[in-house]
Protein backbone atom coordinates (compact mmCIF):
# COMPACT_ATOMS: atom_id res chain seq x y z
CA MET A 1 0.00 0.00 0.00
CA ARG A 2 2.89 2.38 0.89
CA ILE A 3 4.53 1.75 -2.49
CA ARG A 4 1.31 2.60 -4.30
CA VAL A 5 0.90 5.86 -2.35
CA VAL A 6 4.45 6.95 -3.14
CA THR A 7 3.99 6.17 -6.82
CA LEU A 8 0.78 8.20 -6.88
CA LEU A 9 2.43 11.19 -5.19
CA ILE A 10 5.29 11.11 -7.66
CA GLY A 11 2.78 11.11 -10.56
CA VAL A 12 0.92 14.11 -9.11
CA ALA A 13 4.17 15.99 -8.57
CA LEU A 14 5.24 15.42 -12.17
CA ALA A 15 1.85 16.63 -13.41
CA VAL A 16 2.08 19.79 -11.31
CA ALA A 17 5.59 20.43 -12.51
CA GLY A 18 4.43 20.07 -16.09
CA CYS A 19 1.62 22.56 -15.54
CA ASN A 20 3.97 25.12 -13.96
CA GLY A 21 6.64 24.70 -16.60
CA ALA A 22 7.32 27.09 -19.46
CA ALA A 23 6.19 24.72 -22.20
CA THR A 24 5.60 26.41 -25.59
CA PRO A 25 1.90 26.41 -26.51
CA PRO A 26 0.99 24.98 -29.91
CA PRO A 27 0.72 27.53 -32.73
CA THR A 28 -2.71 29.00 -33.42
CA VAL A 29 -4.20 27.73 -36.65
CA THR A 30 -7.01 29.67 -38.37
CA ILE A 31 -9.02 27.71 -40.92
CA PHE A 32 -11.47 29.65 -43.07
CA PRO A 33 -14.38 27.67 -44.55
CA ALA A 34 -14.08 27.19 -48.28
CA PRO A 35 -16.91 28.80 -50.28
CA VAL A 36 -19.42 26.21 -51.41
CA ARG A 37 -19.86 26.35 -55.18
CA PRO A 38 -23.34 25.09 -56.07
CA ALA A 39 -23.48 21.93 -58.15
CA GLY A 40 -23.57 22.73 -61.85
CA ALA A 41 -22.43 26.35 -61.48
CA GLN A 42 -20.24 27.32 -64.43
CA ASP A 43 -18.94 30.33 -66.31
CA ILE A 44 -21.02 30.85 -69.45
CA THR A 45 -18.61 31.35 -72.34
CA THR A 46 -21.06 30.81 -75.19
CA MET A 47 -24.02 33.10 -74.73
CA PRO A 48 -27.39 32.21 -76.26
CA GLU A 49 -28.62 34.56 -78.95
CA PRO A 50 -30.86 37.39 -77.74
CA PRO A 51 -34.54 36.59 -78.25
CA LYS A 52 -35.84 37.75 -81.65
CA ASP A 53 -39.22 39.46 -81.82
CA ASP A 54 -39.98 37.99 -85.25
CA CYS A 55 -43.43 36.53 -84.53
CA GLY A 56 -45.51 39.68 -84.49
CA ASP A 57 -47.06 40.33 -81.09
CA ARG A 58 -45.33 37.78 -78.88
CA GLU A 59 -47.95 38.24 -76.15
CA ALA A 60 -50.95 37.55 -78.40
CA SER A 61 -52.69 34.27 -77.66
CA LEU A 62 -55.81 32.41 -78.74
CA ARG A 63 -59.10 34.03 -77.83
CA PRO A 64 -61.09 32.01 -75.26
CA GLY A 65 -64.64 30.87 -75.71
CA PRO A 66 -67.19 30.45 -72.91
CA LEU A 67 -65.79 28.47 -69.98
CA PRO A 68 -67.49 25.12 -69.42
CA SER A 69 -68.69 24.43 -65.90
CA PRO A 70 -66.20 22.66 -63.62
CA GLY A 71 -66.50 18.92 -64.02
CA ALA A 72 -68.21 19.22 -67.42
CA MET A 73 -65.32 19.35 -69.87
CA PRO A 74 -66.15 18.98 -73.59
CA ALA A 75 -65.96 15.39 -74.82
CA GLY A 76 -62.72 14.61 -76.65
CA SER A 77 -60.98 17.73 -75.36
CA THR A 78 -57.57 17.91 -73.67
CA MET A 79 -59.39 19.09 -70.54
CA ALA A 80 -61.60 15.97 -70.60
CA GLU A 81 -58.46 13.79 -70.68
CA ILE A 82 -57.07 15.68 -67.68
CA LYS A 83 -60.38 15.27 -65.83
CA ALA A 84 -60.44 11.54 -66.56
CA ARG A 85 -56.92 11.24 -65.12
CA GLY A 86 -58.14 12.90 -61.93
CA ARG A 87 -55.51 15.60 -61.57
CA LEU A 88 -53.83 18.46 -63.44
CA ILE A 89 -50.03 18.02 -63.72
CA VAL A 90 -48.09 21.29 -63.62
CA GLY A 91 -44.37 22.05 -63.85
CA VAL A 92 -43.33 24.63 -61.24
CA ASP A 93 -40.32 26.04 -59.43
CA GLN A 94 -39.40 25.36 -55.81
CA SER A 95 -36.75 28.03 -55.22
CA THR A 96 -38.29 31.35 -56.33
CA TYR A 97 -39.57 33.00 -53.19
CA TYR A 98 -43.28 33.88 -53.31
CA PHE A 99 -43.74 32.59 -56.90
CA GLY A 100 -42.89 28.92 -56.50
CA TYR A 101 -41.01 27.92 -53.34
CA ARG A 102 -40.96 25.12 -50.81
CA ASP A 103 -42.32 26.35 -47.49
CA PRO A 104 -39.87 25.11 -44.82
CA SER A 105 -42.61 24.88 -42.19
CA SER A 106 -44.86 22.60 -44.22
CA VAL A 107 -42.57 21.37 -47.05
CA GLU A 108 -45.39 22.31 -49.44
CA ILE A 109 -44.68 24.18 -52.69
CA LYS A 110 -46.50 27.50 -52.60
CA GLY A 111 -46.58 30.89 -54.30
CA PHE A 112 -48.24 33.13 -56.85
CA ASP A 113 -47.48 30.84 -59.80
CA VAL A 114 -48.71 27.82 -57.88
CA ASP A 115 -52.00 29.53 -57.07
CA ILE A 116 -52.47 30.50 -60.74
CA ALA A 117 -52.13 26.78 -61.53
CA ARG A 118 -54.57 25.90 -58.75
CA GLU A 119 -57.19 28.23 -60.25
CA ILE A 120 -56.89 26.32 -63.53
CA ALA A 121 -57.38 23.04 -61.64
CA ARG A 122 -60.40 24.56 -59.89
CA SER A 123 -61.96 25.38 -63.27
CA ILE A 124 -61.49 21.80 -64.51
CA PHE A 125 -62.50 19.86 -61.39
CA GLY A 126 -64.21 22.38 -59.12
CA ASP A 127 -61.38 21.61 -56.67
CA PRO A 128 -58.01 23.46 -56.65
CA ASP A 129 -56.37 20.54 -54.82
CA ARG A 130 -56.76 18.17 -57.78
CA ILE A 131 -53.26 19.08 -58.88
CA GLU A 132 -49.84 17.42 -59.06
CA LEU A 133 -46.85 19.76 -58.88
CA GLN A 134 -43.62 18.66 -60.53
CA VAL A 135 -40.42 20.64 -59.92
CA VAL A 136 -38.89 21.56 -63.29
CA ASP A 137 -35.53 23.21 -64.00
CA ALA A 138 -35.64 26.26 -66.25
CA LEU A 139 -33.67 24.41 -68.94
CA LYS A 140 -36.26 21.59 -69.03
CA ARG A 141 -39.48 23.59 -69.41
CA GLU A 142 -39.87 22.99 -73.14
CA ASP A 143 -38.84 19.32 -72.81
CA VAL A 144 -41.45 18.41 -70.18
CA LEU A 145 -44.21 20.03 -72.22
CA GLU A 146 -43.21 18.40 -75.49
CA SER A 147 -42.92 14.95 -73.88
CA GLY A 148 -46.30 15.26 -72.16
CA GLN A 149 -44.74 14.85 -68.71
CA VAL A 150 -46.77 17.86 -67.58
CA ASP A 151 -49.93 19.53 -68.87
CA LEU A 152 -48.76 23.06 -68.11
CA VAL A 153 -45.69 24.95 -66.97
CA VAL A 154 -46.33 27.86 -64.60
CA ARG A 155 -42.82 28.90 -63.61
CA THR A 156 -41.98 32.61 -64.14
CA TYR A 157 -41.98 31.59 -67.83
CA SER A 158 -41.23 34.58 -70.07
CA ILE A 159 -43.01 34.62 -73.43
CA THR A 160 -40.54 34.93 -76.33
CA CYS A 161 -40.81 34.37 -80.05
CA ASP A 162 -38.10 31.69 -79.92
CA ARG A 163 -39.98 29.76 -77.25
CA LYS A 164 -43.25 30.08 -79.15
CA LYS A 165 -41.68 27.99 -81.91
CA GLU A 166 -41.61 25.06 -79.47
CA VAL A 167 -44.54 25.64 -77.09
CA ASP A 168 -47.74 27.64 -76.93
CA PHE A 169 -48.43 30.31 -74.33
CA SER A 170 -51.43 31.76 -72.61
CA THR A 171 -51.97 35.49 -72.45
CA THR A 172 -49.63 37.37 -70.11
CA TYR A 173 -50.59 37.00 -66.44
CA PHE A 174 -47.70 39.01 -64.94
CA TYR A 175 -45.15 41.63 -66.02
CA ALA A 176 -41.65 41.69 -64.52
CA ASN A 177 -38.65 43.94 -65.18
CA GLN A 178 -35.08 42.65 -65.33
CA ARG A 179 -32.90 44.43 -62.76
CA ILE A 180 -29.77 43.84 -60.64
CA LEU A 181 -29.37 42.57 -57.07
CA VAL A 182 -26.20 43.38 -55.10
CA ALA A 183 -24.96 43.48 -51.52
CA LYS A 184 -25.60 46.81 -49.84
CA GLY A 185 -22.57 49.11 -50.12
CA SER A 186 -21.19 47.27 -53.17
CA GLN A 187 -20.72 50.45 -55.26
CA ILE A 188 -22.70 48.81 -58.08
CA HIS A 189 -25.61 51.08 -58.96
CA SER A 190 -26.42 50.20 -62.56
CA ALA A 191 -25.48 47.93 -65.45
CA ALA A 192 -22.64 50.32 -66.33
CA ASP A 193 -20.92 49.39 -63.05
CA LEU A 194 -20.75 45.69 -63.96
CA VAL A 195 -17.58 46.08 -66.07
CA GLY A 196 -15.18 43.30 -65.07
CA LYS A 197 -17.68 41.87 -62.56
CA ARG A 198 -19.10 38.38 -62.13
CA VAL A 199 -22.88 38.22 -62.49
CA CYS A 200 -25.07 35.20 -61.70
CA ALA A 201 -28.15 34.05 -63.61
CA VAL A 202 -30.04 30.80 -64.07
CA SER A 203 -29.01 28.87 -67.17
CA GLY A 204 -31.64 28.81 -69.89
CA THR A 205 -33.32 32.08 -68.91
CA THR A 206 -33.74 35.22 -70.99
CA SER A 207 -31.60 37.08 -68.43
CA LEU A 208 -28.36 35.70 -69.89
CA PRO A 209 -28.29 37.23 -73.40
CA ARG A 210 -29.68 40.54 -72.16
CA LEU A 211 -26.81 40.84 -69.67
CA LYS A 212 -24.20 40.55 -72.39
CA ALA A 213 -26.13 42.88 -74.67
CA VAL A 214 -26.25 45.56 -71.96
CA ASN A 215 -22.63 45.16 -70.85
CA PRO A 216 -20.37 42.72 -72.73
CA ASP A 217 -17.40 43.25 -70.37
CA LEU A 218 -18.54 40.95 -67.59
CA THR A 219 -18.47 37.27 -66.67
CA VAL A 220 -21.80 35.45 -66.45
CA VAL A 221 -22.08 32.49 -64.08
CA GLY A 222 -24.92 30.08 -64.83
CA VAL A 223 -26.59 28.00 -62.11
CA ALA A 224 -29.62 25.74 -61.72
CA ASN A 225 -31.80 28.02 -59.58
CA TRP A 226 -31.93 31.48 -58.05
CA THR A 227 -31.15 30.42 -54.49
CA ASP A 228 -27.80 29.15 -55.84
CA CYS A 229 -27.16 32.69 -57.10
CA LEU A 230 -28.01 34.12 -53.68
CA LEU A 231 -25.59 31.71 -51.98
CA MET A 232 -22.78 32.70 -54.35
CA LEU A 233 -23.48 36.41 -53.83
CA GLN A 234 -23.49 35.98 -50.04
CA GLN A 235 -20.13 34.20 -50.20
CA GLY A 236 -18.56 36.74 -52.55
CA GLN A 237 -18.21 34.29 -55.45
CA VAL A 238 -20.19 36.68 -57.67
CA ASP A 239 -20.71 40.44 -57.51
CA ALA A 240 -24.34 40.62 -58.59
CA ILE A 241 -27.43 38.72 -59.70
CA SER A 242 -29.58 39.84 -62.60
CA THR A 243 -33.04 38.67 -63.51
CA ASP A 244 -36.68 39.69 -63.09
CA ASP A 245 -37.39 42.09 -60.23
CA ALA A 246 -40.12 39.75 -59.00
CA VAL A 247 -37.49 37.06 -58.39
CA LEU A 248 -34.86 39.45 -57.01
CA ALA A 249 -37.31 41.04 -54.58
CA GLY A 250 -37.93 37.61 -53.09
CA LEU A 251 -34.19 37.04 -52.68
CA ALA A 252 -33.77 40.46 -51.05
CA TYR A 253 -36.63 39.66 -48.68
CA GLN A 254 -34.77 36.52 -47.61
CA ASP A 255 -31.53 38.48 -47.05
CA PRO A 256 -32.00 42.13 -46.00
CA ASN A 257 -28.30 42.76 -46.70
CA MET A 258 -29.15 42.74 -50.42
CA GLU A 259 -30.78 45.48 -52.49
CA LEU A 260 -32.15 46.01 -56.01
CA VAL A 261 -30.38 48.66 -58.08
CA GLY A 262 -30.54 50.21 -61.54
CA ASP A 263 -33.26 50.82 -64.06
CA SER A 264 -35.15 48.12 -65.93
CA LEU A 265 -33.04 46.21 -68.44
CA GLY A 266 -36.14 44.86 -70.17
CA ILE A 267 -39.72 43.74 -69.62
CA GLU A 268 -40.56 40.07 -69.09
CA PRO A 269 -44.16 38.93 -69.73
CA TYR A 270 -44.99 35.70 -67.89
CA GLY A 271 -47.32 33.21 -69.53
CA VAL A 272 -48.54 29.67 -68.88
CA GLY A 273 -46.62 27.22 -71.09
CA ILE A 274 -48.74 24.65 -72.96
CA LYS A 275 -47.80 21.84 -75.33
CA LYS A 276 -47.70 22.94 -78.97
CA GLY A 277 -50.94 22.16 -80.76
CA ASN A 278 -53.17 21.87 -77.68
CA ASP A 279 -55.24 24.83 -78.86
CA ASP A 280 -58.29 23.85 -76.80
CA LEU A 281 -56.24 23.93 -73.61
CA VAL A 282 -54.74 27.31 -74.58
CA ARG A 283 -58.24 28.76 -75.04
CA PHE A 284 -59.41 27.18 -71.79
CA VAL A 285 -56.46 28.58 -69.78
CA ASN A 286 -57.03 32.01 -71.34
CA GLY A 287 -60.66 31.77 -70.25
CA VAL A 288 -59.58 31.01 -66.67
CA LEU A 289 -57.13 33.95 -66.71
CA ALA A 290 -59.86 36.24 -68.06
CA GLN A 291 -62.18 35.12 -65.27
CA ILE A 292 -59.69 35.70 -62.44
CA ARG A 293 -58.85 39.15 -63.85
CA GLU A 294 -62.51 40.12 -63.88
CA ASP A 295 -63.69 38.65 -60.57
CA GLY A 296 -60.84 40.07 -58.46
CA THR A 297 -59.06 36.77 -57.83
CA TRP A 298 -55.86 37.98 -59.54
CA ASN A 299 -55.60 40.95 -57.18
CA GLN A 300 -56.31 38.70 -54.20
CA LEU A 301 -53.45 36.40 -55.21
CA TYR A 302 -51.16 39.38 -55.79
CA ASP A 303 -51.93 40.80 -52.34
CA ARG A 304 -51.43 37.40 -50.73
CA TRP A 305 -48.01 36.74 -52.21
CA LEU A 306 -46.46 39.86 -53.72
CA LEU A 307 -47.71 42.94 -51.87
CA THR A 308 -44.98 42.69 -49.24
CA ILE A 309 -42.09 42.49 -51.69
CA LEU A 310 -43.37 44.47 -54.69
CA GLY A 311 -45.78 47.00 -53.23
CA PRO A 312 -49.41 47.68 -54.21
CA SER A 313 -50.91 45.77 -57.10
CA PRO A 314 -50.56 47.33 -60.55
CA GLY A 315 -53.58 45.30 -61.64
CA PRO A 316 -53.50 42.29 -63.95
CA PRO A 317 -52.06 42.67 -67.46
CA ALA A 318 -54.68 43.23 -70.12
CA PRO A 319 -55.02 40.20 -72.42
CA ARG A 320 -53.99 40.45 -76.06
CA TYR A 321 -55.66 38.03 -78.45
CA GLN A 322 -54.95 36.89 -81.97
CA ASP A 323 -57.99 36.36 -84.18
């Protein structure tokens, strides 16, 4: 027992001596987290051609006839096929705040675009919940319509003459303006200040060619969705984001350190995308849009989703029809 006690005391003494000694502390090492580059992000070296307005009035769409009553779709029509299936299938976004985004509290996809689609489902079935939402990347919008994977695309889908060669569009249901989003205090106030800067945009959108047309001396970074752009801007991997003000306002609302700057770089009319040749569905959708303009539903949806980020409603766009 005495031997054990002595051994223990010697161990304690050595430990105390070590603590009181002048041992050199290890060097301080500072490790900064590496910026996370979103999957698929890449510098765009070959810019798509600017959209050509060579189709007359790009916003003109087929004139609607009288809307059938919900649940009573004309026999043999595209709407009757959708009714027989039991649900309307719509391609939407899940990362554009207040237009099509996944609510973290419920995991549901919600927003202005989604509610436009739900009004179309209501007019077919009498029930806005008879709808299946499929998340679609911007680059795949034409593909999912052509293949029949979805009935409609309602996804901040700008109407252009080039796109109208591949798909049909409804009348315009929303107007956006392309602008620039930057971090507050960035010294970027307009497109002229983007010389030598890195600007983020979603691949496949009309924002890309317009950026180069406005200021060719910049680098465009293409990503899969707008929240990827916000991440890169927050981490300093890009200097700005440019797209529709409706999208940018949602990003700024998520991060108050960001702000919209500059004048409009161009107007973007949003339409519902429909498979080429489904004229009856185009006329039906235009009838639904006409109805929600007239009965006040459009303004109700605007106030629900967009009032906070875009201010008071400008009213729904007036339809333009081709005879």
